[in-house]
Amino acid sequence: MIMINNITVAFLGRIGFPELILILVIVLLLFGAKKLPEIAKALGLGLKEFKKSVKDIKDDISDEQNTKSEEKNSK
């Protein structure tokens, strides 16, 4: 359960195909067909940047651990 502004949000399961279709229909109604490609492109670029940042952080942590390991072994 997650608390958001004193409101409990419980996740009862995974999002299935019918739920995805419903979400897509709602998005289509809210933004219209002309805006969907722009929204999808922006979302894709955001996810790409997020994954790149996560990879960079993992690489930095790995490099730091390797440096500490090498310093420990050289003593």
Foldseek 3Di string as FASTA:
>chain_A
DDADPNDDDDDPDDQDDVNVVVVVVVVCVVPNPVCVVVVVVVVVVVVVVVVVVVVVVVVVVVVVVVVVVVVVVVD
